Amino acid sequence: MFVIQSGLVQVLKQVGHDERALATLGRGEFLGEMAILNGKPRNATAVVLEDARCLVIDARTLESMVQKNPEIAMRLIKKLARRLDGADELIQILMNPIRRRASCSG
């Protein structure tokens, strides 16, 4: 996991033959936590847009930090919840044309 201390990092995802920007992250934001939390390989690419300085946190350190400091756990949970909300909104946008086509054809 990486916590950005300075600079900008863009998170990209391969979609078919295209690479799409998922987010641009700056100071105080983090990335790579999903690989730690769910034990799966990373499924996105991070590209530095501006010289960046990052704190690297391994799984054991993150677990220890969360156990010792509930504020860190809450910040992590809130950020993941915001990302989930964003994913839900995107799903609704992507599903909307399908619903319109299905209702028009029937």
C-alpha atoms as a PDB file:
ATOM      1  CA  MET A   1       0.000   0.000   0.000  1.00  0.00           C
ATOM      2  CA  PHE A   2       1.208   3.522  -0.731  1.00  0.00           C
ATOM      3  CA  VAL A   3       0.274   6.732   1.073  1.00  0.00           C
ATOM      4  CA  ILE A   4       1.020   9.783  -1.044  1.00  0.00           C
ATOM      5  CA  GLN A   5       2.962  12.396   0.900  1.00  0.00           C
ATOM      6  CA  SER A   6       3.452  14.755  -2.051  1.00  0.00           C
ATOM      7  CA  GLY A   7       2.872  14.818  -5.794  1.00  0.00           C
ATOM      8  CA  LEU A   8       0.142  13.359  -7.989  1.00  0.00           C
ATOM      9  CA  VAL A   9      -0.483   9.757  -8.990  1.00  0.00           C
ATOM     10  CA  GLN A  10      -2.991   8.616 -11.593  1.00  0.00           C
ATOM     11  CA  VAL A  11      -4.601   5.186 -11.305  1.00  0.00           C
ATOM     12  CA  LEU A  12      -5.294   3.498 -14.656  1.00  0.00           C
ATOM     13  CA  LYS A  13      -7.243   0.364 -15.555  1.00  0.00           C
ATOM     14  CA  GLN A  14      -7.021  -1.679 -18.736  1.00  0.00           C
ATOM     15  CA  VAL A  15     -10.473  -1.967 -20.337  1.00  0.00           C
ATOM     16  CA  GLY A  16     -10.336  -4.040 -23.495  1.00  0.00           C
ATOM     17  CA  HIS A  17      -7.658  -2.400 -25.643  1.00  0.00           C
ATOM     18  CA  ASP A  18      -7.942   0.948 -23.860  1.00  0.00           C
ATOM     19  CA  GLU A  19      -6.430   2.234 -20.662  1.00  0.00           C
ATOM     20  CA  ARG A  20      -8.861   4.347 -18.615  1.00  0.00           C
ATOM     21  CA  ALA A  21      -8.093   6.755 -15.793  1.00  0.00           C
ATOM     22  CA  LEU A  22      -9.892   5.744 -12.600  1.00  0.00           C
ATOM     23  CA  ALA A  23      -8.585   8.462 -10.304  1.00  0.00           C
ATOM     24  CA  THR A  24      -5.952  11.107  -9.773  1.00  0.00           C
ATOM     25  CA  LEU A  25      -4.687  11.011  -6.212  1.00  0.00           C
ATOM     26  CA  GLY A  26      -2.729  13.564  -4.219  1.00  0.00           C
ATOM     27  CA  ARG A  27      -1.312  14.220  -0.792  1.00  0.00           C
ATOM     28  CA  GLY A  28      -2.864  12.159   2.000  1.00  0.00           C
ATOM     29  CA  GLU A  29      -4.582   9.697  -0.327  1.00  0.00           C
ATOM     30  CA  PHE A  30      -3.641   6.049  -0.668  1.00  0.00           C
ATOM     31  CA  LEU A  31      -3.610   3.258  -3.193  1.00  0.00           C
ATOM     32  CA  GLY A  32      -2.771  -0.422  -3.302  1.00  0.00           C
ATOM     33  CA  GLU A  33      -4.782  -1.211  -0.172  1.00  0.00           C
ATOM     34  CA  MET A  34      -7.040  -3.684  -1.968  1.00  0.00           C
ATOM     35  CA  ALA A  35      -4.121  -6.018  -2.684  1.00  0.00           C
ATOM     36  CA  ILE A  36      -3.409  -6.086   1.048  1.00  0.00           C
ATOM     37  CA  LEU A  37      -7.014  -6.359   2.196  1.00  0.00           C
ATOM     38  CA  ASN A  38      -8.241  -9.059  -0.172  1.00  0.00           C
ATOM     39  CA  GLY A  39      -4.938 -10.799  -0.885  1.00  0.00           C
ATOM     40  CA  LYS A  40      -5.393 -10.571  -4.649  1.00  0.00           C
ATOM     41  CA  PRO A  41      -2.938  -9.145  -7.166  1.00  0.00           C
ATOM     42  CA  ARG A  42      -3.298  -5.510  -8.079  1.00  0.00           C
ATOM     43  CA  ASN A  43      -5.725  -4.896 -10.932  1.00  0.00           C
ATOM     44  CA  ALA A  44      -4.758  -1.324 -11.827  1.00  0.00           C
ATOM     45  CA  THR A  45      -1.638   0.610 -12.766  1.00  0.00           C
ATOM     46  CA  ALA A  46      -0.332   3.701 -10.992  1.00  0.00           C
ATOM     47  CA  VAL A  47       1.517   6.390 -12.952  1.00  0.00           C
ATOM     48  CA  VAL A  48       3.262   9.350 -11.326  1.00  0.00           C
ATOM     49  CA  LEU A  49       2.039  12.622 -12.885  1.00  0.00           C
ATOM     50  CA  GLU A  50       4.092  14.934 -10.655  1.00  0.00           C
ATOM     51  CA  ASP A  51       7.180  13.994  -8.677  1.00  0.00           C
ATOM     52  CA  ALA A  52       5.739  12.026  -5.806  1.00  0.00           C
ATOM     53  CA  ARG A  53       6.903  10.895  -2.424  1.00  0.00           C
ATOM     54  CA  CYS A  54       5.064   7.890  -1.004  1.00  0.00           C
ATOM     55  CA  LEU A  55       5.097   6.022   2.252  1.00  0.00           C
ATOM     56  CA  VAL A  56       5.125   2.269   1.614  1.00  0.00           C
ATOM     57  CA  ILE A  57       3.086   0.203   4.074  1.00  0.00           C
ATOM     58  CA  ASP A  58       3.153  -3.595   4.019  1.00  0.00           C
ATOM     59  CA  ALA A  59       0.298  -5.839   5.155  1.00  0.00           C
ATOM     60  CA  ARG A  60       1.702  -6.510   8.607  1.00  0.00           C
ATOM     61  CA  THR A  61       2.308  -2.813   9.279  1.00  0.00           C
ATOM     62  CA  LEU A  62      -1.172  -1.850   8.091  1.00  0.00           C
ATOM     63  CA  GLU A  63      -2.768  -4.470  10.332  1.00  0.00           C
ATOM     64  CA  SER A  64      -0.779  -3.239  13.309  1.00  0.00           C
ATOM     65  CA  MET A  65      -1.653   0.411  12.590  1.00  0.00           C
ATOM     66  CA  VAL A  66      -5.363  -0.381  12.322  1.00  0.00           C
ATOM     67  CA  GLN A  67      -5.347  -2.360  15.568  1.00  0.00           C
ATOM     68  CA  LYS A  68      -3.532   0.374  17.481  1.00  0.00           C
ATOM     69  CA  ASN A  69      -5.318   3.395  16.041  1.00  0.00           C
ATOM     70  CA  PRO A  70      -9.084   3.297  15.393  1.00  0.00           C
ATOM     71  CA  GLU A  71      -8.849   6.657  13.571  1.00  0.00           C
ATOM     72  CA  ILE A  72      -6.752   5.018  10.843  1.00  0.00           C
ATOM     73  CA  ALA A  73      -9.299   2.214  10.544  1.00  0.00           C
ATOM     74  CA  MET A  74     -12.159   4.728  10.221  1.00  0.00           C
ATOM     75  CA  ARG A  75     -10.321   6.773   7.580  1.00  0.00           C
ATOM     76  CA  LEU A  76      -9.690   3.604   5.592  1.00  0.00           C
ATOM     77  CA  ILE A  77     -13.317   2.462   5.902  1.00  0.00           C
ATOM     78  CA  LYS A  78     -14.690   5.880   4.919  1.00  0.00           C
ATOM     79  CA  LYS A  79     -12.421   6.099   1.887  1.00  0.00           C
ATOM     80  CA  LEU A  80     -13.377   2.596   0.755  1.00  0.00           C
ATOM     81  CA  ALA A  81     -17.060   3.469   1.231  1.00  0.00           C
ATOM     82  CA  ARG A  82     -16.642   6.582  -0.966  1.00  0.00           C
ATOM     83  CA  ARG A  83     -14.953   4.477  -3.629  1.00  0.00           C
ATOM     84  CA  LEU A  84     -17.774   1.935  -3.442  1.00  0.00           C
ATOM     85  CA  ASP A  85     -20.334   4.740  -3.842  1.00  0.00           C
ATOM     86  CA  GLY A  86     -18.464   5.933  -6.928  1.00  0.00           C
ATOM     87  CA  ALA A  87     -18.437   2.413  -8.353  1.00  0.00           C
ATOM     88  CA  ASP A  88     -22.180   2.085  -7.693  1.00  0.00           C
ATOM     89  CA  GLU A  89     -22.825   5.369  -9.515  1.00  0.00           C
ATOM     90  CA  LEU A  90     -20.763   4.181 -12.465  1.00  0.00           C
ATOM     91  CA  ILE A  91     -22.680   0.902 -12.580  1.00  0.00           C
ATOM     92  CA  GLN A  92     -25.964   2.844 -12.661  1.00  0.00           C
ATOM     93  CA  ILE A  93     -24.695   4.984 -15.547  1.00  0.00           C
ATOM     94  CA  LEU A  94     -23.488   1.944 -17.465  1.00  0.00           C
ATOM     95  CA  MET A  95     -26.708   0.002 -16.843  1.00  0.00           C
ATOM     96  CA  ASN A  96     -29.020   2.871 -17.799  1.00  0.00           C
ATOM     97  CA  PRO A  97     -28.719   2.423 -21.621  1.00  0.00           C
ATOM     98  CA  ILE A  98     -29.372  -1.305 -21.222  1.00  0.00           C
ATOM     99  CA  ARG A  99     -32.592  -0.617 -19.318  1.00  0.00           C
ATOM    100  CA  ARG A 100     -33.748   1.880 -21.952  1.00  0.00           C
ATOM    101  CA  ARG A 101     -33.047  -0.574 -24.789  1.00  0.00           C
ATOM    102  CA  ALA A 102     -34.792  -3.397 -22.954  1.00  0.00           C
ATOM    103  CA  SER A 103     -37.917  -1.300 -22.289  1.00  0.00           C
ATOM    104  CA  CYS A 104     -38.027   0.013 -25.864  1.00  0.00           C
ATOM    105  CA  SER A 105     -37.835  -3.433 -27.413  1.00  0.00           C
ATOM    106  CA  GLY A 106     -40.598  -4.971 -25.348  1.00  0.00           C
END
